[in-house]
Amino acid sequence: GGGAVYPAQGVVITQPTAGQFKAFDSICTHQGCPVTNVDGGTINC
């Protein structure tokens, strides 16, 4: 239900449900800021 941001590698890894891992770019699509955390079921910028 959470995740971790790996800024040096430019990736956010999440685990939406047990055993299911997803990865996303760590740069916000709005204005290019790095996302900073995963909380409350969302990746947050």
PDB file of all heavy atoms in Angstrom:
ATOM      1  N   GLY A   1       0.802  -1.225   0.000  1.00  0.00           N
ATOM      2  CA  GLY A   1       0.000   0.000   0.000  1.00  0.00           C
ATOM      3  C   GLY A   1       0.832   1.271   0.000  1.00  0.00           C
ATOM      4  O   GLY A   1       0.309   2.365   0.113  1.00  0.00           O
ATOM      5  N   GLY A   2       2.140   1.128  -0.157  1.00  0.00           N
ATOM      6  CA  GLY A   2       3.041   2.287  -0.134  1.00  0.00           C
ATOM      7  C   GLY A   2       4.137   2.137  -1.157  1.00  0.00           C
ATOM      8  O   GLY A   2       3.966   1.490  -2.181  1.00  0.00           O
ATOM      9  N   GLY A   3       5.275   2.727  -0.861  1.00  0.00           N
ATOM     10  CA  GLY A   3       6.389   2.659  -1.784  1.00  0.00           C
ATOM     11  C   GLY A   3       7.583   3.426  -1.265  1.00  0.00           C
ATOM     12  O   GLY A   3       7.594   3.897  -0.131  1.00  0.00           O
ATOM     13  N   ALA A   4       8.589   3.540  -2.117  1.00  0.00           N
ATOM     14  CA  ALA A   4       9.815   4.275  -1.793  1.00  0.00           C
ATOM     15  C   ALA A   4      10.303   4.995  -3.040  1.00  0.00           C
ATOM     16  O   ALA A   4      10.190   4.477  -4.148  1.00  0.00           O
ATOM     17  CB  ALA A   4      10.892   3.331  -1.261  1.00  0.00           C
ATOM     18  N   VAL A   5      10.842   6.191  -2.839  1.00  0.00           N
ATOM     19  CA  VAL A   5      11.385   7.005  -3.922  1.00  0.00           C
ATOM     20  C   VAL A   5      12.902   6.809  -3.934  1.00  0.00           C
ATOM     21  O   VAL A   5      13.550   6.925  -2.900  1.00  0.00           O
ATOM     22  CB  VAL A   5      11.042   8.499  -3.718  1.00  0.00           C
ATOM     23  CG1 VAL A   5      11.628   9.344  -4.844  1.00  0.00           C
ATOM     24  CG2 VAL A   5       9.537   8.704  -3.616  1.00  0.00           C
ATOM     25  N   TYR A   6      13.454   6.516  -5.109  1.00  0.00           N
ATOM     26  CA  TYR A   6      14.893   6.361  -5.305  1.00  0.00           C
ATOM     27  C   TYR A   6      15.341   7.472  -6.257  1.00  0.00           C
ATOM     28  O   TYR A   6      15.412   7.271  -7.473  1.00  0.00           O
ATOM     29  CB  TYR A   6      15.217   4.969  -5.866  1.00  0.00           C
ATOM     30  CG  TYR A   6      14.887   3.883  -4.872  1.00  0.00           C
ATOM     31  CD1 TYR A   6      13.595   3.388  -4.766  1.00  0.00           C
ATOM     32  CD2 TYR A   6      15.859   3.382  -4.024  1.00  0.00           C
ATOM     33  CE1 TYR A   6      13.278   2.413  -3.835  1.00  0.00           C
ATOM     34  CE2 TYR A   6      15.550   2.403  -3.088  1.00  0.00           C
ATOM     35  CZ  TYR A   6      14.258   1.917  -3.000  1.00  0.00           C
ATOM     36  OH  TYR A   6      13.951   0.963  -2.069  1.00  0.00           O
ATOM     37  N   PRO A   7      15.606   8.676  -5.732  1.00  0.00           N
ATOM     38  CA  PRO A   7      15.901   9.822  -6.592  1.00  0.00           C
ATOM     39  C   PRO A   7      17.138   9.646  -7.468  1.00  0.00           C
ATOM     40  O   PRO A   7      17.140  10.067  -8.624  1.00  0.00           O
ATOM     41  CB  PRO A   7      16.068  10.989  -5.632  1.00  0.00           C
ATOM     42  CG  PRO A   7      16.070  10.435  -4.263  1.00  0.00           C
ATOM     43  CD  PRO A   7      15.639   9.014  -4.316  1.00  0.00           C
ATOM     44  N   ALA A   8      18.183   9.025  -6.957  1.00  0.00           N
ATOM     45  CA  ALA A   8      19.407   8.868  -7.744  1.00  0.00           C
ATOM     46  C   ALA A   8      19.186   7.989  -8.973  1.00  0.00           C
ATOM     47  O   ALA A   8      19.831   8.172  -9.994  1.00  0.00           O
ATOM     48  CB  ALA A   8      20.524   8.284  -6.876  1.00  0.00           C
ATOM     49  N   GLN A   9      18.256   7.055  -8.878  1.00  0.00           N
ATOM     50  CA  GLN A   9      17.959   6.172  -9.996  1.00  0.00           C
ATOM     51  C   GLN A   9      16.753   6.649 -10.801  1.00  0.00           C
ATOM     52  O   GLN A   9      16.402   6.051 -11.812  1.00  0.00           O
ATOM     53  CB  GLN A   9      17.698   4.741  -9.502  1.00  0.00           C
ATOM     54  CG  GLN A   9      18.933   4.059  -8.969  1.00  0.00           C
ATOM     55  CD  GLN A   9      19.299   4.497  -7.556  1.00  0.00           C
ATOM     56  OE1 GLN A   9      18.537   5.146  -6.857  1.00  0.00           O
ATOM     57  NE2 GLN A   9      20.494   4.152  -7.129  1.00  0.00           N
ATOM     58  N   GLY A  10      16.087   7.701 -10.331  1.00  0.00           N
ATOM     59  CA  GLY A  10      14.949   8.263 -11.050  1.00  0.00           C
ATOM     60  C   GLY A  10      13.735   7.360 -11.071  1.00  0.00           C
ATOM     61  O   GLY A  10      13.002   7.324 -12.062  1.00  0.00           O
ATOM     62  N   VAL A  11      13.508   6.648  -9.980  1.00  0.00           N
ATOM     63  CA  VAL A  11      12.405   5.688  -9.952  1.00  0.00           C
ATOM     64  C   VAL A  11      11.693   5.700  -8.598  1.00  0.00           C
ATOM     65  O   VAL A  11      12.294   5.989  -7.570  1.00  0.00           O
ATOM     66  CB  VAL A  11      12.924   4.260 -10.286  1.00  0.00           C
ATOM     67  CG1 VAL A  11      13.845   3.721  -9.217  1.00  0.00           C
ATOM     68  CG2 VAL A  11      11.793   3.295 -10.566  1.00  0.00           C
ATOM     69  N   VAL A  12      10.393   5.398  -8.661  1.00  0.00           N
ATOM     70  CA  VAL A  12       9.569   5.173  -7.474  1.00  0.00           C
ATOM     71  C   VAL A  12       9.094   3.736  -7.582  1.00  0.00           C
ATOM     72  O   VAL A  12       8.563   3.335  -8.618  1.00  0.00           O
ATOM     73  CB  VAL A  12       8.326   6.092  -7.442  1.00  0.00           C
ATOM     74  CG1 VAL A  12       7.486   5.824  -6.205  1.00  0.00           C
ATOM     75  CG2 VAL A  12       8.709   7.541  -7.513  1.00  0.00           C
ATOM     76  N   ILE A  13       9.299   2.951  -6.529  1.00  0.00           N
ATOM     77  CA  ILE A  13       8.817   1.573  -6.518  1.00  0.00           C
ATOM     78  C   ILE A  13       7.663   1.498  -5.530  1.00  0.00           C
ATOM     79  O   ILE A  13       7.777   1.987  -4.406  1.00  0.00           O
ATOM     80  CB  ILE A  13       9.926   0.590  -6.129  1.00  0.00           C
ATOM     81  CG1 ILE A  13      11.084   0.686  -7.116  1.00  0.00           C
ATOM     82  CG2 ILE A  13       9.384  -0.840  -6.081  1.00  0.00           C
ATOM     83  CD1 ILE A  13      12.292  -0.147  -6.743  1.00  0.00           C
ATOM     84  N   THR A  14       6.556   0.887  -5.961  1.00  0.00           N
ATOM     85  CA  THR A  14       5.388   0.758  -5.097  1.00  0.00           C
ATOM     86  C   THR A  14       4.980  -0.712  -4.988  1.00  0.00           C
ATOM     87  O   THR A  14       5.381  -1.544  -5.801  1.00  0.00           O
ATOM     88  CB  THR A  14       4.194   1.572  -5.637  1.00  0.00           C
ATOM     89  OG1 THR A  14       3.773   1.023  -6.900  1.00  0.00           O
ATOM     90  CG2 THR A  14       4.551   3.043  -5.793  1.00  0.00           C
ATOM     91  N   GLN A  15       4.168  -0.999  -3.981  1.00  0.00           N
ATOM     92  CA  GLN A  15       3.584  -2.327  -3.799  1.00  0.00           C
ATOM     93  C   GLN A  15       2.094  -2.126  -3.494  1.00  0.00           C
ATOM     94  O   GLN A  15       1.692  -2.087  -2.335  1.00  0.00           O
ATOM     95  CB  GLN A  15       4.283  -3.098  -2.671  1.00  0.00           C
ATOM     96  CG  GLN A  15       3.816  -4.517  -2.550  1.00  0.00           C
ATOM     97  CD  GLN A  15       4.554  -5.338  -1.503  1.00  0.00           C
ATOM     98  OE1 GLN A  15       4.342  -6.527  -1.460  1.00  0.00           O
ATOM     99  NE2 GLN A  15       5.390  -4.764  -0.653  1.00  0.00           N
ATOM    100  N   PRO A  16       1.277  -1.963  -4.549  1.00  0.00           N
ATOM    101  CA  PRO A  16      -0.149  -1.689  -4.335  1.00  0.00           C
ATOM    102  C   PRO A  16      -0.855  -2.792  -3.544  1.00  0.00           C
ATOM    103  O   PRO A  16      -1.680  -2.504  -2.673  1.00  0.00           O
ATOM    104  CB  PRO A  16      -0.717  -1.586  -5.742  1.00  0.00           C
ATOM    105  CG  PRO A  16       0.451  -1.373  -6.641  1.00  0.00           C
ATOM    106  CD  PRO A  16       1.633  -1.976  -5.954  1.00  0.00           C
ATOM    107  N   THR A  17      -0.555  -4.044  -3.854  1.00  0.00           N
ATOM    108  CA  THR A  17      -1.083  -5.182  -3.101  1.00  0.00           C
ATOM    109  C   THR A  17       0.082  -6.120  -2.812  1.00  0.00           C
ATOM    110  O   THR A  17       1.112  -6.070  -3.492  1.00  0.00           O
ATOM    111  CB  THR A  17      -2.180  -5.939  -3.897  1.00  0.00           C
ATOM    112  OG1 THR A  17      -1.621  -6.418  -5.119  1.00  0.00           O
ATOM    113  CG2 THR A  17      -3.368  -5.040  -4.200  1.00  0.00           C
ATOM    114  N   ALA A  18      -0.089  -6.980  -1.837  1.00  0.00           N
ATOM    115  CA  ALA A  18       0.993  -7.867  -1.423  1.00  0.00           C
ATOM    116  C   ALA A  18       1.564  -8.654  -2.601  1.00  0.00           C
ATOM    117  O   ALA A  18       0.827  -9.315  -3.332  1.00  0.00           O
ATOM    118  CB  ALA A  18       0.501  -8.820  -0.338  1.00  0.00           C
ATOM    119  N   GLY A  19       2.867  -8.532  -2.807  1.00  0.00           N
ATOM    120  CA  GLY A  19       3.559  -9.271  -3.852  1.00  0.00           C
ATOM    121  C   GLY A  19       3.510  -8.642  -5.238  1.00  0.00           C
ATOM    122  O   GLY A  19       4.113  -9.162  -6.169  1.00  0.00           O
ATOM    123  N   GLN A  20       2.804  -7.536  -5.415  1.00  0.00           N
ATOM    124  CA  GLN A  20       2.708  -6.855  -6.712  1.00  0.00           C
ATOM    125  C   GLN A  20       3.544  -5.576  -6.645  1.00  0.00           C
ATOM    126  O   GLN A  20       3.207  -4.653  -5.903  1.00  0.00           O
ATOM    127  CB  GLN A  20       1.244  -6.513  -7.018  1.00  0.00           C
ATOM    128  CG  GLN A  20       1.064  -5.760  -8.317  1.00  0.00           C
ATOM    129  CD  GLN A  20      -0.363  -5.240  -8.504  1.00  0.00           C
ATOM    130  OE1 GLN A  20      -0.999  -4.837  -7.538  1.00  0.00           O
ATOM    131  NE2 GLN A  20      -0.823  -5.249  -9.726  1.00  0.00           N
ATOM    132  N   PHE A  21       4.604  -5.529  -7.430  1.00  0.00           N
ATOM    133  CA  PHE A  21       5.512  -4.378  -7.411  1.00  0.00           C
ATOM    134  C   PHE A  21       5.414  -3.617  -8.725  1.00  0.00           C
ATOM    135  O   PHE A  21       5.382  -4.208  -9.795  1.00  0.00           O
ATOM    136  CB  PHE A  21       6.956  -4.825  -7.149  1.00  0.00           C
ATOM    137  CG  PHE A  21       7.109  -5.455  -5.800  1.00  0.00           C
ATOM    138  CD1 PHE A  21       6.948  -6.824  -5.640  1.00  0.00           C
ATOM    139  CD2 PHE A  21       7.372  -4.680  -4.685  1.00  0.00           C
ATOM    140  CE1 PHE A  21       7.056  -7.409  -4.390  1.00  0.00           C
ATOM    141  CE2 PHE A  21       7.488  -5.254  -3.428  1.00  0.00           C
ATOM    142  CZ  PHE A  21       7.327  -6.620  -3.277  1.00  0.00           C
ATOM    143  N   LYS A  22       5.358  -2.297  -8.624  1.00  0.00           N
ATOM    144  CA  LYS A  22       5.271  -1.414  -9.784  1.00  0.00           C
ATOM    145  C   LYS A  22       6.380  -0.374  -9.671  1.00  0.00           C
ATOM    146  O   LYS A  22       6.854  -0.078  -8.570  1.00  0.00           O
ATOM    147  CB  LYS A  22       3.917  -0.680  -9.810  1.00  0.00           C
ATOM    148  CG  LYS A  22       2.706  -1.582  -9.785  1.00  0.00           C
ATOM    149  CD  LYS A  22       2.416  -2.093 -11.153  1.00  0.00           C
ATOM    150  CE  LYS A  22       1.114  -2.879 -11.159  1.00  0.00           C
ATOM    151  NZ  LYS A  22       0.532  -2.958 -12.463  1.00  0.00           N
ATOM    152  N   ALA A  23       6.754   0.204 -10.810  1.00  0.00           N
ATOM    153  CA  ALA A  23       7.759   1.259 -10.798  1.00  0.00           C
ATOM    154  C   ALA A  23       7.359   2.358 -11.763  1.00  0.00           C
ATOM    155  O   ALA A  23       6.768   2.100 -12.814  1.00  0.00           O
ATOM    156  CB  ALA A  23       9.125   0.695 -11.183  1.00  0.00           C
ATOM    157  N   PHE A  24       7.684   3.587 -11.386  1.00  0.00           N
ATOM    158  CA  PHE A  24       7.334   4.773 -12.167  1.00  0.00           C
ATOM    159  C   PHE A  24       8.499   5.750 -12.152  1.00  0.00           C
ATOM    160  O   PHE A  24       9.326   5.739 -11.243  1.00  0.00           O
ATOM    161  CB  PHE A  24       6.083   5.449 -11.581  1.00  0.00           C
ATOM    162  CG  PHE A  24       4.928   4.507 -11.449  1.00  0.00           C
ATOM    163  CD1 PHE A  24       4.663   3.873 -10.249  1.00  0.00           C
ATOM    164  CD2 PHE A  24       4.112   4.225 -12.541  1.00  0.00           C
ATOM    165  CE1 PHE A  24       3.609   2.976 -10.126  1.00  0.00           C
ATOM    166  CE2 PHE A  24       3.062   3.338 -12.431  1.00  0.00           C
ATOM    167  CZ  PHE A  24       2.807   2.710 -11.223  1.00  0.00           C
ATOM    168  N   ASP A  25       8.511   6.625 -13.142  1.00  0.00           N
ATOM    169  CA  ASP A  25       9.487   7.705 -13.195  1.00  0.00           C
ATOM    170  C   ASP A  25       9.278   8.583 -11.967  1.00  0.00           C
ATOM    171  O   ASP A  25       8.149   8.823 -11.548  1.00  0.00           O
ATOM    172  CB  ASP A  25       9.283   8.518 -14.479  1.00  0.00           C
ATOM    173  CG  ASP A  25      10.453   9.421 -14.767  1.00  0.00           C
ATOM    174  OD1 ASP A  25      10.709  10.348 -13.955  1.00  0.00           O
ATOM    175  OD2 ASP A  25      11.104   9.232 -15.794  1.00  0.00           O
ATOM    176  N   SER A  26      10.362   9.085 -11.387  1.00  0.00           N
ATOM    177  CA  SER A  26      10.248   9.891 -10.162  1.00  0.00           C
ATOM    178  C   SER A  26      10.144  11.389 -10.426  1.00  0.00           C
ATOM    179  O   SER A  26      10.226  12.191  -9.492  1.00  0.00           O
ATOM    180  CB  SER A  26      11.444   9.611  -9.238  1.00  0.00           C
ATOM    181  OG  SER A  26      12.636  10.091  -9.821  1.00  0.00           O
ATOM    182  N   ILE A  27       9.938  11.782 -11.680  1.00  0.00           N
ATOM    183  CA  ILE A  27       9.806  13.202 -12.009  1.00  0.00           C
ATOM    184  C   ILE A  27       8.340  13.510 -12.319  1.00  0.00           C
ATOM    185  O   ILE A  27       7.723  12.892 -13.193  1.00  0.00           O
ATOM    186  CB  ILE A  27      10.698  13.587 -13.209  1.00  0.00           C
ATOM    187  CG1 ILE A  27      12.170  13.297 -12.889  1.00  0.00           C
ATOM    188  CG2 ILE A  27      10.497  15.046 -13.594  1.00  0.00           C
ATOM    189  CD1 ILE A  27      12.737  14.055 -11.698  1.00  0.00           C
ATOM    190  N   CYS A  28       7.791  14.475 -11.597  1.00  0.00           N
ATOM    191  CA  CYS A  28       6.394  14.874 -11.774  1.00  0.00           C
ATOM    192  C   CYS A  28       6.168  15.382 -13.199  1.00  0.00           C
ATOM    193  O   CYS A  28       6.981  16.133 -13.747  1.00  0.00           O
ATOM    194  CB  CYS A  28       6.040  15.968 -10.769  1.00  0.00           C
ATOM    195  SG  CYS A  28       4.334  16.544 -10.871  1.00  0.00           S
ATOM    196  N   THR A  29       5.055  14.984 -13.771  1.00  0.00           N
ATOM    197  CA  THR A  29       4.727  15.382 -15.144  1.00  0.00           C
ATOM    198  C   THR A  29       4.186  16.800 -15.226  1.00  0.00           C
ATOM    199  O   THR A  29       4.005  17.321 -16.318  1.00  0.00           O
ATOM    200  CB  THR A  29       3.708  14.408 -15.758  1.00  0.00           C
ATOM    201  OG1 THR A  29       2.530  14.393 -14.930  1.00  0.00           O
ATOM    202  CG2 THR A  29       4.282  13.011 -15.865  1.00  0.00           C
ATOM    203  N   HIS A  30       3.944  17.445 -14.099  1.00  0.00           N
ATOM    204  CA  HIS A  30       3.414  18.805 -14.122  1.00  0.00           C
ATOM    205  C   HIS A  30       4.485  19.809 -14.546  1.00  0.00           C
ATOM    206  O   HIS A  30       4.374  20.430 -15.594  1.00  0.00           O
ATOM    207  CB  HIS A  30       2.822  19.184 -12.757  1.00  0.00           C
ATOM    208  CG  HIS A  30       2.380  20.605 -12.661  1.00  0.00           C
ATOM    209  ND1 HIS A  30       2.895  21.469 -11.724  1.00  0.00           N
ATOM    210  CD2 HIS A  30       1.506  21.322 -13.395  1.00  0.00           C
ATOM    211  CE1 HIS A  30       2.335  22.659 -11.892  1.00  0.00           C
ATOM    212  NE2 HIS A  30       1.488  22.598 -12.896  1.00  0.00           N
ATOM    213  N   GLN A  31       5.528  19.962 -13.718  1.00  0.00           N
ATOM    214  CA  GLN A  31       6.586  20.925 -14.058  1.00  0.00           C
ATOM    215  C   GLN A  31       7.983  20.385 -13.798  1.00  0.00           C
ATOM    216  O   GLN A  31       8.930  21.143 -13.654  1.00  0.00           O
ATOM    217  CB  GLN A  31       6.383  22.245 -13.309  1.00  0.00           C
ATOM    218  CG  GLN A  31       5.248  23.060 -13.864  1.00  0.00           C
ATOM    219  CD  GLN A  31       5.220  24.475 -13.293  1.00  0.00           C
ATOM    220  OE1 GLN A  31       5.896  24.802 -12.337  1.00  0.00           O
ATOM    221  NE2 GLN A  31       4.401  25.316 -13.902  1.00  0.00           N
ATOM    222  N   GLY A  32       8.115  19.076 -13.732  1.00  0.00           N
ATOM    223  CA  GLY A  32       9.441  18.472 -13.657  1.00  0.00           C
ATOM    224  C   GLY A  32      10.091  18.424 -12.289  1.00  0.00           C
ATOM    225  O   GLY A  32      11.283  18.163 -12.198  1.00  0.00           O
ATOM    226  N   CYS A  33       9.342  18.654 -11.236  1.00  0.00           N
ATOM    227  CA  CYS A  33       9.906  18.518  -9.890  1.00  0.00           C
ATOM    228  C   CYS A  33      10.013  17.030  -9.558  1.00  0.00           C
ATOM    229  O   CYS A  33       9.211  16.231 -10.029  1.00  0.00           O
ATOM    230  CB  CYS A  33       8.986  19.161  -8.852  1.00  0.00           C
ATOM    231  SG  CYS A  33       8.924  20.952  -8.901  1.00  0.00           S
ATOM    232  N   PRO A  34      10.963  16.661  -8.712  1.00  0.00           N
ATOM    233  CA  PRO A  34      11.013  15.261  -8.284  1.00  0.00           C
ATOM    234  C   PRO A  34       9.886  14.978  -7.294  1.00  0.00           C
ATOM    235  O   PRO A  34       9.563  15.828  -6.461  1.00  0.00           O
ATOM    236  CB  PRO A  34      12.374  15.134  -7.612  1.00  0.00           C
ATOM    237  CG  PRO A  34      12.774  16.524  -7.243  1.00  0.00           C
ATOM    238  CD  PRO A  34      12.086  17.448  -8.200  1.00  0.00           C
ATOM    239  N   VAL A  35       9.274  13.804  -7.413  1.00  0.00           N
ATOM    240  CA  VAL A  35       8.286  13.420  -6.402  1.00  0.00           C
ATOM    241  C   VAL A  35       9.056  13.167  -5.116  1.00  0.00           C
ATOM    242  O   VAL A  35      10.242  12.839  -5.142  1.00  0.00           O
ATOM    243  CB  VAL A  35       7.441  12.199  -6.842  1.00  0.00           C
ATOM    244  CG1 VAL A  35       6.645  12.525  -8.094  1.00  0.00           C
ATOM    245  CG2 VAL A  35       8.288  10.964  -7.036  1.00  0.00           C
ATOM    246  N   THR A  36       8.376  13.336  -3.987  1.00  0.00           N
ATOM    247  CA  THR A  36       9.116  13.293  -2.729  1.00  0.00           C
ATOM    248  C   THR A  36       8.746  12.153  -1.802  1.00  0.00           C
ATOM    249  O   THR A  36       9.551  11.774  -0.964  1.00  0.00           O
ATOM    250  CB  THR A  36       8.931  14.610  -1.965  1.00  0.00           C
ATOM    251  OG1 THR A  36       7.535  14.865  -1.844  1.00  0.00           O
ATOM    252  CG2 THR A  36       9.601  15.762  -2.697  1.00  0.00           C
ATOM    253  N   ASN A  37       7.529  11.617  -1.925  1.00  0.00           N
ATOM    254  CA  ASN A  37       7.155  10.556  -1.009  1.00  0.00           C
ATOM    255  C   ASN A  37       5.984   9.752  -1.544  1.00  0.00           C
ATOM    256  O   ASN A  37       5.345  10.131  -2.526  1.00  0.00           O
ATOM    257  CB  ASN A  37       6.833  11.129   0.383  1.00  0.00           C
ATOM    258  CG  ASN A  37       5.621  12.038   0.375  1.00  0.00           C
ATOM    259  OD1 ASN A  37       4.511  11.636   0.053  1.00  0.00           O
ATOM    260  ND2 ASN A  37       5.819  13.292   0.735  1.00  0.00           N
ATOM    261  N   VAL A  38       5.726   8.645  -0.868  1.00  0.00           N
ATOM    262  CA  VAL A  38       4.564   7.809  -1.149  1.00  0.00           C
ATOM    263  C   VAL A  38       3.819   7.718   0.170  1.00  0.00           C
ATOM    264  O   VAL A  38       4.367   7.257   1.167  1.00  0.00           O
ATOM    265  CB  VAL A  38       4.974   6.410  -1.643  1.00  0.00           C
ATOM    266  CG1 VAL A  38       3.740   5.572  -1.956  1.00  0.00           C
ATOM    267  CG2 VAL A  38       5.881   6.511  -2.858  1.00  0.00           C
ATOM    268  N   ASP A  39       2.580   8.186   0.165  1.00  0.00           N
ATOM    269  CA  ASP A  39       1.810   8.214   1.399  1.00  0.00           C
ATOM    270  C   ASP A  39       0.335   8.207   1.060  1.00  0.00           C
ATOM    271  O   ASP A  39      -0.086   8.834   0.088  1.00  0.00           O
ATOM    272  CB  ASP A  39       2.174   9.471   2.204  1.00  0.00           C
ATOM    273  CG  ASP A  39       1.611   9.448   3.608  1.00  0.00           C
ATOM    274  OD1 ASP A  39       1.600   8.367   4.236  1.00  0.00           O
ATOM    275  OD2 ASP A  39       1.185  10.512   4.082  1.00  0.00           O
ATOM    276  N   GLY A  40      -0.457   7.502   1.833  1.00  0.00           N
ATOM    277  CA  GLY A  40      -1.904   7.490   1.640  1.00  0.00           C
ATOM    278  C   GLY A  40      -2.324   6.882   0.305  1.00  0.00           C
ATOM    279  O   GLY A  40      -3.344   7.270  -0.258  1.00  0.00           O
ATOM    280  N   GLY A  41      -1.535   5.957  -0.213  1.00  0.00           N
ATOM    281  CA  GLY A  41      -1.868   5.308  -1.469  1.00  0.00           C
ATOM    282  C   GLY A  41      -1.546   6.116  -2.710  1.00  0.00           C
ATOM    283  O   GLY A  41      -1.953   5.755  -3.808  1.00  0.00           O
ATOM    284  N   THR A  42      -0.803   7.219  -2.549  1.00  0.00           N
ATOM    285  CA  THR A  42      -0.417   8.030  -3.711  1.00  0.00           C
ATOM    286  C   THR A  42       1.062   8.380  -3.663  1.00  0.00           C
ATOM    287  O   THR A  42       1.672   8.461  -2.599  1.00  0.00           O
ATOM    288  CB  THR A  42      -1.231   9.337  -3.810  1.00  0.00           C
ATOM    289  OG1 THR A  42      -1.050  10.104  -2.613  1.00  0.00           O
ATOM    290  CG2 THR A  42      -2.705   9.076  -4.055  1.00  0.00           C
ATOM    291  N   ILE A  43       1.606   8.595  -4.858  1.00  0.00           N
ATOM    292  CA  ILE A  43       2.959   9.126  -5.029  1.00  0.00           C
ATOM    293  C   ILE A  43       2.783  10.636  -5.069  1.00  0.00           C
ATOM    294  O   ILE A  43       1.977  11.137  -5.859  1.00  0.00           O
ATOM    295  CB  ILE A  43       3.575   8.609  -6.342  1.00  0.00           C
ATOM    296  CG1 ILE A  43       3.631   7.080  -6.343  1.00  0.00           C
ATOM    297  CG2 ILE A  43       4.959   9.225  -6.553  1.00  0.00           C
ATOM    298  CD1 ILE A  43       3.870   6.468  -7.716  1.00  0.00           C
ATOM    299  N   ASN A  44       3.504  11.357  -4.242  1.00  0.00           N
ATOM    300  CA  ASN A  44       3.235  12.777  -4.044  1.00  0.00           C
ATOM    301  C   ASN A  44       4.384  13.684  -4.462  1.00  0.00           C
ATOM    302  O   ASN A  44       5.534  13.423  -4.154  1.00  0.00           O
ATOM    303  CB  ASN A  44       2.903  13.022  -2.576  1.00  0.00           C
ATOM    304  CG  ASN A  44       1.794  12.119  -2.106  1.00  0.00           C
ATOM    305  OD1 ASN A  44       0.695  12.127  -2.640  1.00  0.00           O
ATOM    306  ND2 ASN A  44       2.080  11.295  -1.114  1.00  0.00           N
ATOM    307  N   CYS A  45       4.010  14.760  -5.145  1.00  0.00           N
ATOM    308  CA  CYS A  45       4.961  15.808  -5.498  1.00  0.00           C
ATOM    309  C   CYS A  45       4.608  17.025  -4.639  1.00  0.00           C
ATOM    310  O   CYS A  45       3.502  17.559  -4.736  1.00  0.00           O
ATOM    311  CB  CYS A  45       4.857  16.164  -6.980  1.00  0.00           C
ATOM    312  SG  CYS A  45       5.968  17.509  -7.441  1.00  0.00           S
TER     313      CYS A  45
END
